Amino acid sequence: MRVSLRTRAPAIVAATVLATARALGEAIMLSMVSGSRGFAANPLDGITFLFEPVRPLAATIAQESGGLTIGPMVHTLYAIAAVLLVSAALLSSPAGPPSNL
């Protein structure tokens, strides 16, 4: 166990750095594309509801990370991150049991 972990450590560190960089890059890109505007679309507006600007959750975390000194904002950002983590875990899990070929 000790030898195999020692040989895999550089790969694990590299994978972690690449995944973090990719997530941060996507959040910044989403923030820029969405216009960096915090706006909640109103479904009562009719069909124009589908075309109103919104800010994705990852972009919200990137934009509001400057407010980490405010207590409620910290809790809100952690809750948003938890929602993203759970939804990513659920969406990336296999749909059914593995098939034996």
PDB file of N, CA and C in Angstrom:
ATOM      1  N   MET A   1       0.830  -1.195   0.000  1.00  0.00           N
ATOM      2  CA  MET A   1       0.000   0.000   0.000  1.00  0.00           C
ATOM      3  C   MET A   1       0.870   1.254   0.000  1.00  0.00           C
ATOM      4  N   ARG A   2       1.917   1.233   0.798  1.00  0.00           N
ATOM      5  CA  ARG A   2       2.769   2.406   0.913  1.00  0.00           C
ATOM      6  C   ARG A   2       3.492   2.703  -0.403  1.00  0.00           C
ATOM      7  N   VAL A   3       3.957   1.670  -1.067  1.00  0.00           N
ATOM      8  CA  VAL A   3       4.675   1.856  -2.332  1.00  0.00           C
ATOM      9  C   VAL A   3       3.734   2.324  -3.430  1.00  0.00           C
ATOM     10  N   SER A   4       2.563   1.714  -3.522  1.00  0.00           N
ATOM     11  CA  SER A   4       1.635   2.095  -4.590  1.00  0.00           C
ATOM     12  C   SER A   4       1.105   3.511  -4.388  1.00  0.00           C
ATOM     13  N   LEU A   5       0.900   3.910  -3.147  1.00  0.00           N
ATOM     14  CA  LEU A   5       0.444   5.275  -2.890  1.00  0.00           C
ATOM     15  C   LEU A   5       1.551   6.275  -3.209  1.00  0.00           C
ATOM     16  N   ARG A   6       2.779   5.905  -2.909  1.00  0.00           N
ATOM     17  CA  ARG A   6       3.909   6.777  -3.203  1.00  0.00           C
ATOM     18  C   ARG A   6       4.078   6.983  -4.705  1.00  0.00           C
ATOM     19  N   THR A   7       3.832   5.959  -5.472  1.00  0.00           N
ATOM     20  CA  THR A   7       3.978   6.098  -6.924  1.00  0.00           C
ATOM     21  C   THR A   7       2.783   6.802  -7.559  1.00  0.00           C
ATOM     22  N   ARG A   8       1.650   6.736  -6.924  1.00  0.00           N
ATOM     23  CA  ARG A   8       0.453   7.391  -7.464  1.00  0.00           C
ATOM     24  C   ARG A   8       0.294   8.825  -7.002  1.00  0.00           C
ATOM     25  N   ALA A   9       1.023   9.250  -5.998  1.00  0.00           N
ATOM     26  CA  ALA A   9       0.856  10.588  -5.426  1.00  0.00           C
ATOM     27  C   ALA A   9       1.015  11.706  -6.458  1.00  0.00           C
ATOM     28  N   PRO A  10       2.039  11.695  -7.323  1.00  0.00           N
ATOM     29  CA  PRO A  10       2.134  12.775  -8.311  1.00  0.00           C
ATOM     30  C   PRO A  10       0.932  12.833  -9.254  1.00  0.00           C
ATOM     31  N   ALA A  11       0.408  11.700  -9.628  1.00  0.00           N
ATOM     32  CA  ALA A  11      -0.763  11.675 -10.510  1.00  0.00           C
ATOM     33  C   ALA A  11      -1.997  12.218  -9.793  1.00  0.00           C
ATOM     34  N   ILE A  12      -2.146  11.889  -8.527  1.00  0.00           N
ATOM     35  CA  ILE A  12      -3.292  12.385  -7.751  1.00  0.00           C
ATOM     36  C   ILE A  12      -3.204  13.896  -7.593  1.00  0.00           C
ATOM     37  N   VAL A  13      -2.011  14.403  -7.295  1.00  0.00           N
ATOM     38  CA  VAL A  13      -1.832  15.849  -7.157  1.00  0.00           C
ATOM     39  C   VAL A  13      -2.083  16.546  -8.488  1.00  0.00           C
ATOM     40  N   ALA A  14      -1.563  16.007  -9.579  1.00  0.00           N
ATOM     41  CA  ALA A  14      -1.768  16.610 -10.896  1.00  0.00           C
ATOM     42  C   ALA A  14      -3.242  16.616 -11.272  1.00  0.00           C
ATOM     43  N   ALA A  15      -3.948  15.531 -11.003  1.00  0.00           N
ATOM     44  CA  ALA A  15      -5.379  15.465 -11.306  1.00  0.00           C
ATOM     45  C   ALA A  15      -6.164  16.486 -10.488  1.00  0.00           C
ATOM     46  N   THR A  16      -5.791  16.668  -9.241  1.00  0.00           N
ATOM     47  CA  THR A  16      -6.469  17.646  -8.385  1.00  0.00           C
ATOM     48  C   THR A  16      -6.246  19.062  -8.897  1.00  0.00           C
ATOM     49  N   VAL A  17      -5.020  19.375  -9.268  1.00  0.00           N
ATOM     50  CA  VAL A  17      -4.715  20.715  -9.783  1.00  0.00           C
ATOM     51  C   VAL A  17      -5.451  20.967 -11.094  1.00  0.00           C
ATOM     52  N   LEU A  18      -5.449  19.996 -11.991  1.00  0.00           N
ATOM     53  CA  LEU A  18      -6.146  20.166 -13.273  1.00  0.00           C
ATOM     54  C   LEU A  18      -7.654  20.315 -13.089  1.00  0.00           C
ATOM     55  N   ALA A  19      -8.238  19.534 -12.195  1.00  0.00           N
ATOM     56  CA  ALA A  19      -9.684  19.624 -11.955  1.00  0.00           C
ATOM     57  C   ALA A  19     -10.052  20.968 -11.347  1.00  0.00           C
ATOM     58  N   THR A  20      -9.239  21.451 -10.421  1.00  0.00           N
ATOM     59  CA  THR A  20      -9.507  22.745  -9.801  1.00  0.00           C
ATOM     60  C   THR A  20      -9.384  23.870 -10.827  1.00  0.00           C
ATOM     61  N   ALA A  21      -8.345  23.810 -11.663  1.00  0.00           N
ATOM     62  CA  ALA A  21      -8.160  24.836 -12.688  1.00  0.00           C
ATOM     63  C   ALA A  21      -9.301  24.818 -13.696  1.00  0.00           C
ATOM     64  N   ARG A  22      -9.750  23.644 -14.058  1.00  0.00           N
ATOM     65  CA  ARG A  22     -10.858  23.546 -15.012  1.00  0.00           C
ATOM     66  C   ARG A  22     -12.139  24.123 -14.419  1.00  0.00           C
ATOM     67  N   ALA A  23     -12.429  23.781 -13.163  1.00  0.00           N
ATOM     68  CA  ALA A  23     -13.641  24.290 -12.518  1.00  0.00           C
ATOM     69  C   ALA A  23     -13.590  25.803 -12.381  1.00  0.00           C
ATOM     70  N   LEU A  24     -12.439  26.340 -12.000  1.00  0.00           N
ATOM     71  CA  LEU A  24     -12.313  27.783 -11.863  1.00  0.00           C
ATOM     72  C   LEU A  24     -12.435  28.474 -13.223  1.00  0.00           C
ATOM     73  N   GLY A  25     -11.818  27.908 -14.241  1.00  0.00           N
ATOM     74  CA  GLY A  25     -11.916  28.478 -15.584  1.00  0.00           C
ATOM     75  C   GLY A  25     -13.340  28.482 -16.108  1.00  0.00           C
ATOM     76  N   GLU A  26     -14.064  27.403 -15.857  1.00  0.00           N
ATOM     77  CA  GLU A  26     -15.460  27.350 -16.304  1.00  0.00           C
ATOM     78  C   GLU A  26     -16.321  28.351 -15.547  1.00  0.00           C
ATOM     79  N   ALA A  27     -16.066  28.521 -14.249  1.00  0.00           N
ATOM     80  CA  ALA A  27     -16.847  29.478 -13.460  1.00  0.00           C
ATOM     81  C   ALA A  27     -16.604  30.903 -13.944  1.00  0.00           C
ATOM     82  N   ILE A  28     -15.353  31.233 -14.231  1.00  0.00           N
ATOM     83  CA  ILE A  28     -15.043  32.573 -14.719  1.00  0.00           C
ATOM     84  C   ILE A  28     -15.649  32.792 -16.105  1.00  0.00           C
ATOM     85  N   MET A  29     -15.573  31.781 -16.964  1.00  0.00           N
ATOM     86  CA  MET A  29     -16.162  31.895 -18.294  1.00  0.00           C
ATOM     87  C   MET A  29     -17.680  32.078 -18.197  1.00  0.00           C
ATOM     88  N   LEU A  30     -18.322  31.289 -17.342  1.00  0.00           N
ATOM     89  CA  LEU A  30     -19.766  31.437 -17.170  1.00  0.00           C
ATOM     90  C   LEU A  30     -20.121  32.809 -16.634  1.00  0.00           C
ATOM     91  N   SER A  31     -19.298  33.316 -15.741  1.00  0.00           N
ATOM     92  CA  SER A  31     -19.532  34.637 -15.183  1.00  0.00           C
ATOM     93  C   SER A  31     -19.462  35.708 -16.259  1.00  0.00           C
ATOM     94  N   MET A  32     -18.505  35.584 -17.146  1.00  0.00           N
ATOM     95  CA  MET A  32     -18.358  36.575 -18.205  1.00  0.00           C
ATOM     96  C   MET A  32     -19.467  36.456 -19.258  1.00  0.00           C
ATOM     97  N   VAL A  33     -19.822  35.237 -19.629  1.00  0.00           N
ATOM     98  CA  VAL A  33     -20.842  35.030 -20.655  1.00  0.00           C
ATOM     99  C   VAL A  33     -22.225  35.442 -20.160  1.00  0.00           C
ATOM    100  N   SER A  34     -22.505  35.189 -18.894  1.00  0.00           N
ATOM    101  CA  SER A  34     -23.826  35.517 -18.366  1.00  0.00           C
ATOM    102  C   SER A  34     -23.989  36.996 -18.083  1.00  0.00           C
ATOM    103  N   GLY A  35     -22.946  37.779 -18.246  1.00  0.00           N
ATOM    104  CA  GLY A  35     -23.052  39.209 -18.048  1.00  0.00           C
ATOM    105  C   GLY A  35     -22.793  39.638 -16.620  1.00  0.00           C
ATOM    106  N   SER A  36     -22.448  38.706 -15.759  1.00  0.00           N
ATOM    107  CA  SER A  36     -22.148  39.002 -14.351  1.00  0.00           C
ATOM    108  C   SER A  36     -23.282  39.767 -13.679  1.00  0.00           C
ATOM    109  N   ARG A  37     -24.472  39.435 -14.031  1.00  0.00           N
ATOM    110  CA  ARG A  37     -25.637  40.144 -13.509  1.00  0.00           C
ATOM    111  C   ARG A  37     -26.445  39.207 -12.638  1.00  0.00           C
ATOM    112  N   GLY A  38     -26.579  39.553 -11.358  1.00  0.00           N
ATOM    113  CA  GLY A  38     -27.401  38.760 -10.454  1.00  0.00           C
ATOM    114  C   GLY A  38     -28.864  39.079 -10.666  1.00  0.00           C
ATOM    115  N   PHE A  39     -29.584  38.194 -11.293  1.00  0.00           N
ATOM    116  CA  PHE A  39     -30.972  38.463 -11.651  1.00  0.00           C
ATOM    117  C   PHE A  39     -31.733  37.151 -11.615  1.00  0.00           C
ATOM    118  N   ALA A  40     -32.876  37.167 -11.008  1.00  0.00           N
ATOM    119  CA  ALA A  40     -33.734  35.978 -10.982  1.00  0.00           C
ATOM    120  C   ALA A  40     -34.866  36.186 -11.979  1.00  0.00           C
ATOM    121  N   ALA A  41     -34.925  35.322 -12.963  1.00  0.00           N
ATOM    122  CA  ALA A  41     -35.983  35.430 -13.970  1.00  0.00           C
ATOM    123  C   ALA A  41     -37.337  35.129 -13.340  1.00  0.00           C
ATOM    124  N   ASN A  42     -38.361  35.812 -13.808  1.00  0.00           N
ATOM    125  CA  ASN A  42     -39.708  35.655 -13.272  1.00  0.00           C
ATOM    126  C   ASN A  42     -40.552  34.831 -14.244  1.00  0.00           C
ATOM    127  N   PRO A  43     -41.017  33.633 -13.829  1.00  0.00           N
ATOM    128  CA  PRO A  43     -41.822  32.807 -14.733  1.00  0.00           C
ATOM    129  C   PRO A  43     -43.163  33.435 -15.103  1.00  0.00           C
ATOM    130  N   LEU A  44     -43.594  34.425 -14.337  1.00  0.00           N
ATOM    131  CA  LEU A  44     -44.872  35.069 -14.633  1.00  0.00           C
ATOM    132  C   LEU A  44     -44.784  36.036 -15.808  1.00  0.00           C
ATOM    133  N   ASP A  45     -43.589  36.251 -16.354  1.00  0.00           N
ATOM    134  CA  ASP A  45     -43.420  37.156 -17.488  1.00  0.00           C
ATOM    135  C   ASP A  45     -43.838  36.533 -18.811  1.00  0.00           C
ATOM    136  N   GLY A  46     -44.171  35.262 -18.799  1.00  0.00           N
ATOM    137  CA  GLY A  46     -44.589  34.600 -20.028  1.00  0.00           C
ATOM    138  C   GLY A  46     -43.410  33.972 -20.750  1.00  0.00           C
ATOM    139  N   ILE A  47     -43.500  33.947 -22.077  1.00  0.00           N
ATOM    140  CA  ILE A  47     -42.480  33.269 -22.876  1.00  0.00           C
ATOM    141  C   ILE A  47     -41.139  33.986 -22.799  1.00  0.00           C
ATOM    142  N   THR A  48     -41.125  35.279 -22.495  1.00  0.00           N
ATOM    143  CA  THR A  48     -39.861  36.004 -22.387  1.00  0.00           C
ATOM    144  C   THR A  48     -39.043  35.520 -21.190  1.00  0.00           C
ATOM    145  N   PHE A  49     -39.657  34.770 -20.317  1.00  0.00           N
ATOM    146  CA  PHE A  49     -38.960  34.183 -19.168  1.00  0.00           C
ATOM    147  C   PHE A  49     -37.774  33.336 -19.619  1.00  0.00           C
ATOM    148  N   LEU A  50     -37.903  32.670 -20.758  1.00  0.00           N
ATOM    149  CA  LEU A  50     -36.843  31.801 -21.247  1.00  0.00           C
ATOM    150  C   LEU A  50     -35.636  32.577 -21.768  1.00  0.00           C
ATOM    151  N   PHE A  51     -35.804  33.858 -22.075  1.00  0.00           N
ATOM    152  CA  PHE A  51     -34.730  34.640 -22.675  1.00  0.00           C
ATOM    153  C   PHE A  51     -34.157  35.696 -21.745  1.00  0.00           C
ATOM    154  N   GLU A  52     -34.593  35.713 -20.472  1.00  0.00           N
ATOM    155  CA  GLU A  52     -34.076  36.698 -19.534  1.00  0.00           C
ATOM    156  C   GLU A  52     -32.713  36.257 -19.011  1.00  0.00           C
ATOM    157  N   PRO A  53     -31.825  37.209 -18.727  1.00  0.00           N
ATOM    158  CA  PRO A  53     -30.485  36.840 -18.257  1.00  0.00           C
ATOM    159  C   PRO A  53     -30.520  36.295 -16.832  1.00  0.00           C
ATOM    160  N   VAL A  54     -29.731  35.289 -16.585  1.00  0.00           N
ATOM    161  CA  VAL A  54     -29.587  34.714 -15.244  1.00  0.00           C
ATOM    162  C   VAL A  54     -28.106  34.452 -14.994  1.00  0.00           C
ATOM    163  N   ARG A  55     -27.748  34.229 -13.743  1.00  0.00           N
ATOM    164  CA  ARG A  55     -26.362  33.927 -13.418  1.00  0.00           C
ATOM    165  C   ARG A  55     -26.297  32.511 -12.856  1.00  0.00           C
ATOM    166  N   PRO A  56     -25.493  31.645 -13.455  1.00  0.00           N
ATOM    167  CA  PRO A  56     -25.365  30.265 -12.972  1.00  0.00           C
ATOM    168  C   PRO A  56     -24.750  30.207 -11.571  1.00  0.00           C
ATOM    169  N   LEU A  57     -24.911  29.064 -10.900  1.00  0.00           N
ATOM    170  CA  LEU A  57     -24.427  28.922  -9.533  1.00  0.00           C
ATOM    171  C   LEU A  57     -22.911  29.059  -9.439  1.00  0.00           C
ATOM    172  N   ALA A  58     -22.173  28.452 -10.356  1.00  0.00           N
ATOM    173  CA  ALA A  58     -20.717  28.546 -10.306  1.00  0.00           C
ATOM    174  C   ALA A  58     -20.261  29.990 -10.497  1.00  0.00           C
ATOM    175  N   ALA A  59     -20.917  30.718 -11.371  1.00  0.00           N
ATOM    176  CA  ALA A  59     -20.573  32.122 -11.585  1.00  0.00           C
ATOM    177  C   ALA A  59     -20.929  32.956 -10.358  1.00  0.00           C
ATOM    178  N   THR A  60     -21.990  32.596  -9.660  1.00  0.00           N
ATOM    179  CA  THR A  60     -22.359  33.307  -8.434  1.00  0.00           C
ATOM    180  C   THR A  60     -21.291  33.134  -7.371  1.00  0.00           C
ATOM    181  N   ILE A  61     -20.756  31.930  -7.243  1.00  0.00           N
ATOM    182  CA  ILE A  61     -19.684  31.701  -6.271  1.00  0.00           C
ATOM    183  C   ILE A  61     -18.465  32.534  -6.639  1.00  0.00           C
ATOM    184  N   ALA A  62     -18.107  32.570  -7.916  1.00  0.00           N
ATOM    185  CA  ALA A  62     -16.941  33.336  -8.348  1.00  0.00           C
ATOM    186  C   ALA A  62     -17.141  34.832  -8.143  1.00  0.00           C
ATOM    187  N   GLN A  63     -18.334  35.343  -8.415  1.00  0.00           N
ATOM    188  CA  GLN A  63     -18.598  36.768  -8.291  1.00  0.00           C
ATOM    189  C   GLN A  63     -18.685  37.221  -6.842  1.00  0.00           C
ATOM    190  N   GLU A  64     -19.286  36.410  -5.996  1.00  0.00           N
ATOM    191  CA  GLU A  64     -19.541  36.824  -4.618  1.00  0.00           C
ATOM    192  C   GLU A  64     -18.469  36.373  -3.640  1.00  0.00           C
ATOM    193  N   SER A  65     -17.373  35.818  -4.127  1.00  0.00           N
ATOM    194  CA  SER A  65     -16.335  35.340  -3.210  1.00  0.00           C
ATOM    195  C   SER A  65     -15.639  36.485  -2.485  1.00  0.00           C
ATOM    196  N   GLY A  66     -15.801  37.698  -2.932  1.00  0.00           N
ATOM    197  CA  GLY A  66     -15.243  38.848  -2.227  1.00  0.00           C
ATOM    198  C   GLY A  66     -15.981  39.155  -0.939  1.00  0.00           C
ATOM    199  N   GLY A  67     -17.194  38.652  -0.787  1.00  0.00           N
ATOM    200  CA  GLY A  67     -17.986  38.914   0.411  1.00  0.00           C
ATOM    201  C   GLY A  67     -17.846  37.849   1.475  1.00  0.00           C
ATOM    202  N   LEU A  68     -16.704  37.191   1.529  1.00  0.00           N
ATOM    203  CA  LEU A  68     -16.532  36.105   2.491  1.00  0.00           C
ATOM    204  C   LEU A  68     -16.343  36.590   3.923  1.00  0.00           C
ATOM    205  N   THR A  69     -16.323  37.893   4.135  1.00  0.00           N
ATOM    206  CA  THR A  69     -16.232  38.412   5.500  1.00  0.00           C
ATOM    207  C   THR A  69     -17.611  38.571   6.125  1.00  0.00           C
ATOM    208  N   ILE A  70     -18.644  38.472   5.334  1.00  0.00           N
ATOM    209  CA  ILE A  70     -20.013  38.610   5.826  1.00  0.00           C
ATOM    210  C   ILE A  70     -20.539  37.217   6.151  1.00  0.00           C
ATOM    211  N   GLY A  71     -20.995  37.023   7.392  1.00  0.00           N
ATOM    212  CA  GLY A  71     -21.423  35.709   7.862  1.00  0.00           C
ATOM    213  C   GLY A  71     -22.481  35.032   7.007  1.00  0.00           C
ATOM    214  N   PRO A  72     -23.635  35.678   6.767  1.00  0.00           N
ATOM    215  CA  PRO A  72     -24.667  35.021   5.957  1.00  0.00           C
ATOM    216  C   PRO A  72     -24.222  34.725   4.529  1.00  0.00           C
ATOM    217  N   MET A  73     -23.353  35.564   3.975  1.00  0.00           N
ATOM    218  CA  MET A  73     -22.873  35.333   2.612  1.00  0.00           C
ATOM    219  C   MET A  73     -22.003  34.082   2.552  1.00  0.00           C
ATOM    220  N   VAL A  74     -21.201  33.864   3.580  1.00  0.00           N
ATOM    221  CA  VAL A  74     -20.358  32.662   3.633  1.00  0.00           C
ATOM    222  C   VAL A  74     -21.227  31.419   3.635  1.00  0.00           C
ATOM    223  N   HIS A  75     -22.268  31.421   4.458  1.00  0.00           N
ATOM    224  CA  HIS A  75     -23.162  30.268   4.537  1.00  0.00           C
ATOM    225  C   HIS A  75     -23.903  30.055   3.214  1.00  0.00           C
ATOM    226  N   THR A  76     -24.288  31.139   2.569  1.00  0.00           N
ATOM    227  CA  THR A  76     -24.975  31.034   1.288  1.00  0.00           C
ATOM    228  C   THR A  76     -24.058  30.444   0.215  1.00  0.00           C
ATOM    229  N   LEU A  77     -22.818  30.910   0.173  1.00  0.00           N
ATOM    230  CA  LEU A  77     -21.879  30.393  -0.825  1.00  0.00           C
ATOM    231  C   LEU A  77     -21.554  28.924  -0.579  1.00  0.00           C
ATOM    232  N   TYR A  78     -21.426  28.532   0.697  1.00  0.00           N
ATOM    233  CA  TYR A  78     -21.191  27.120   0.989  1.00  0.00           C
ATOM    234  C   TYR A  78     -22.409  26.267   0.623  1.00  0.00           C
ATOM    235  N   ALA A  79     -23.602  26.804   0.808  1.00  0.00           N
ATOM    236  CA  ALA A  79     -24.811  26.072   0.420  1.00  0.00           C
ATOM    237  C   ALA A  79     -24.883  25.913  -1.095  1.00  0.00           C
ATOM    238  N   ILE A  80     -24.520  26.959  -1.832  1.00  0.00           N
ATOM    239  CA  ILE A  80     -24.499  26.864  -3.291  1.00  0.00           C
ATOM    240  C   ILE A  80     -23.476  25.833  -3.737  1.00  0.00           C
ATOM    241  N   ALA A  81     -22.304  25.834  -3.095  1.00  0.00           N
ATOM    242  CA  ALA A  81     -21.267  24.859  -3.438  1.00  0.00           C
ATOM    243  C   ALA A  81     -21.729  23.438  -3.135  1.00  0.00           C
ATOM    244  N   ALA A  82     -22.460  23.262  -2.032  1.00  0.00           N
ATOM    245  CA  ALA A  82     -22.975  21.931  -1.691  1.00  0.00           C
ATOM    246  C   ALA A  82     -24.001  21.463  -2.723  1.00  0.00           C
ATOM    247  N   VAL A  83     -24.851  22.362  -3.181  1.00  0.00           N
ATOM    248  CA  VAL A  83     -25.834  22.016  -4.218  1.00  0.00           C
ATOM    249  C   VAL A  83     -25.122  21.599  -5.495  1.00  0.00           C
ATOM    250  N   LEU A  84     -24.087  22.344  -5.880  1.00  0.00           N
ATOM    251  CA  LEU A  84     -23.317  21.980  -7.079  1.00  0.00           C
ATOM    252  C   LEU A  84     -22.633  20.627  -6.916  1.00  0.00           C
ATOM    253  N   LEU A  85     -22.067  20.373  -5.742  1.00  0.00           N
ATOM    254  CA  LEU A  85     -21.374  19.111  -5.498  1.00  0.00           C
ATOM    255  C   LEU A  85     -22.332  17.927  -5.556  1.00  0.00           C
ATOM    256  N   VAL A  86     -23.470  18.057  -4.907  1.00  0.00           N
ATOM    257  CA  VAL A  86     -24.450  16.966  -4.897  1.00  0.00           C
ATOM    258  C   VAL A  86     -25.021  16.738  -6.288  1.00  0.00           C
ATOM    259  N   SER A  87     -25.353  17.813  -6.993  1.00  0.00           N
ATOM    260  CA  SER A  87     -25.915  17.635  -8.347  1.00  0.00           C
ATOM    261  C   SER A  87     -24.885  17.032  -9.295  1.00  0.00           C
ATOM    262  N   ALA A  88     -23.622  17.428  -9.172  1.00  0.00           N
ATOM    263  CA  ALA A  88     -22.583  16.836 -10.017  1.00  0.00           C
ATOM    264  C   ALA A  88     -22.389  15.362  -9.690  1.00  0.00           C
ATOM    265  N   ALA A  89     -22.446  15.018  -8.412  1.00  0.00           N
ATOM    266  CA  ALA A  89     -22.290  13.617  -8.015  1.00  0.00           C
ATOM    267  C   ALA A  89     -23.462  12.774  -8.524  1.00  0.00           C
ATOM    268  N   LEU A  90     -24.661  13.314  -8.448  1.00  0.00           N
ATOM    269  CA  LEU A  90     -25.829  12.563  -8.912  1.00  0.00           C
ATOM    270  C   LEU A  90     -25.846  12.425 -10.433  1.00  0.00           C
ATOM    271  N   LEU A  91     -25.423  13.462 -11.128  1.00  0.00           N
ATOM    272  CA  LEU A  91     -25.447  13.421 -12.590  1.00  0.00           C
ATOM    273  C   LEU A  91     -24.319  12.591 -13.170  1.00  0.00           C
ATOM    274  N   SER A  92     -23.238  12.406 -12.427  1.00  0.00           N
ATOM    275  CA  SER A  92     -22.126  11.641 -12.960  1.00  0.00           C
ATOM    276  C   SER A  92     -22.137  10.176 -12.530  1.00  0.00           C
ATOM    277  N   SER A  93     -23.080   9.813 -11.675  1.00  0.00           N
ATOM    278  CA  SER A  93     -23.158   8.413 -11.258  1.00  0.00           C
ATOM    279  C   SER A  93     -23.823   7.592 -12.363  1.00  0.00           C
ATOM    280  N   PRO A  94     -23.483   6.305 -12.457  1.00  0.00           N
ATOM    281  CA  PRO A  94     -24.099   5.485 -13.493  1.00  0.00           C
ATOM    282  C   PRO A  94     -25.602   5.323 -13.273  1.00  0.00           C
ATOM    283  N   ALA A  95     -26.319   5.189 -14.372  1.00  0.00           N
ATOM    284  CA  ALA A  95     -27.771   5.112 -14.296  1.00  0.00           C
ATOM    285  C   ALA A  95     -28.272   3.793 -13.730  1.00  0.00           C
ATOM    286  N   GLY A  96     -27.545   2.762 -13.916  1.00  0.00           N
ATOM    287  CA  GLY A  96     -28.002   1.451 -13.458  1.00  0.00           C
ATOM    288  C   GLY A  96     -26.827   0.588 -13.040  1.00  0.00           C
ATOM    289  N   PRO A  97     -27.127  -0.637 -12.737  1.00  0.00           N
ATOM    290  CA  PRO A  97     -26.019  -1.538 -12.344  1.00  0.00           C
ATOM    291  C   PRO A  97     -25.116  -1.826 -13.535  1.00  0.00           C
ATOM    292  N   PRO A  98     -23.837  -2.045 -13.284  1.00  0.00           N
ATOM    293  CA  PRO A  98     -22.933  -2.317 -14.409  1.00  0.00           C
ATOM    294  C   PRO A  98     -23.295  -3.625 -15.100  1.00  0.00           C
ATOM    295  N   SER A  99     -23.139  -3.613 -16.410  1.00  0.00           N
ATOM    296  CA  SER A  99     -23.463  -4.820 -17.163  1.00  0.00           C
ATOM    297  C   SER A  99     -22.239  -5.714 -17.239  1.00  0.00           C
ATOM    298  N   ASN A 100     -22.453  -6.998 -17.160  1.00  0.00           N
ATOM    299  CA  ASN A 100     -21.371  -7.964 -17.270  1.00  0.00           C
ATOM    300  C   ASN A 100     -21.327  -8.475 -18.694  1.00  0.00           C
ATOM    301  N   LEU A 101     -20.289  -8.072 -19.390  1.00  0.00           N
ATOM    302  CA  LEU A 101     -20.183  -8.493 -20.796  1.00  0.00           C
ATOM    303  C   LEU A 101     -19.428  -9.756 -20.924  1.00  0.00           C
TER     304      LEU A 101
END
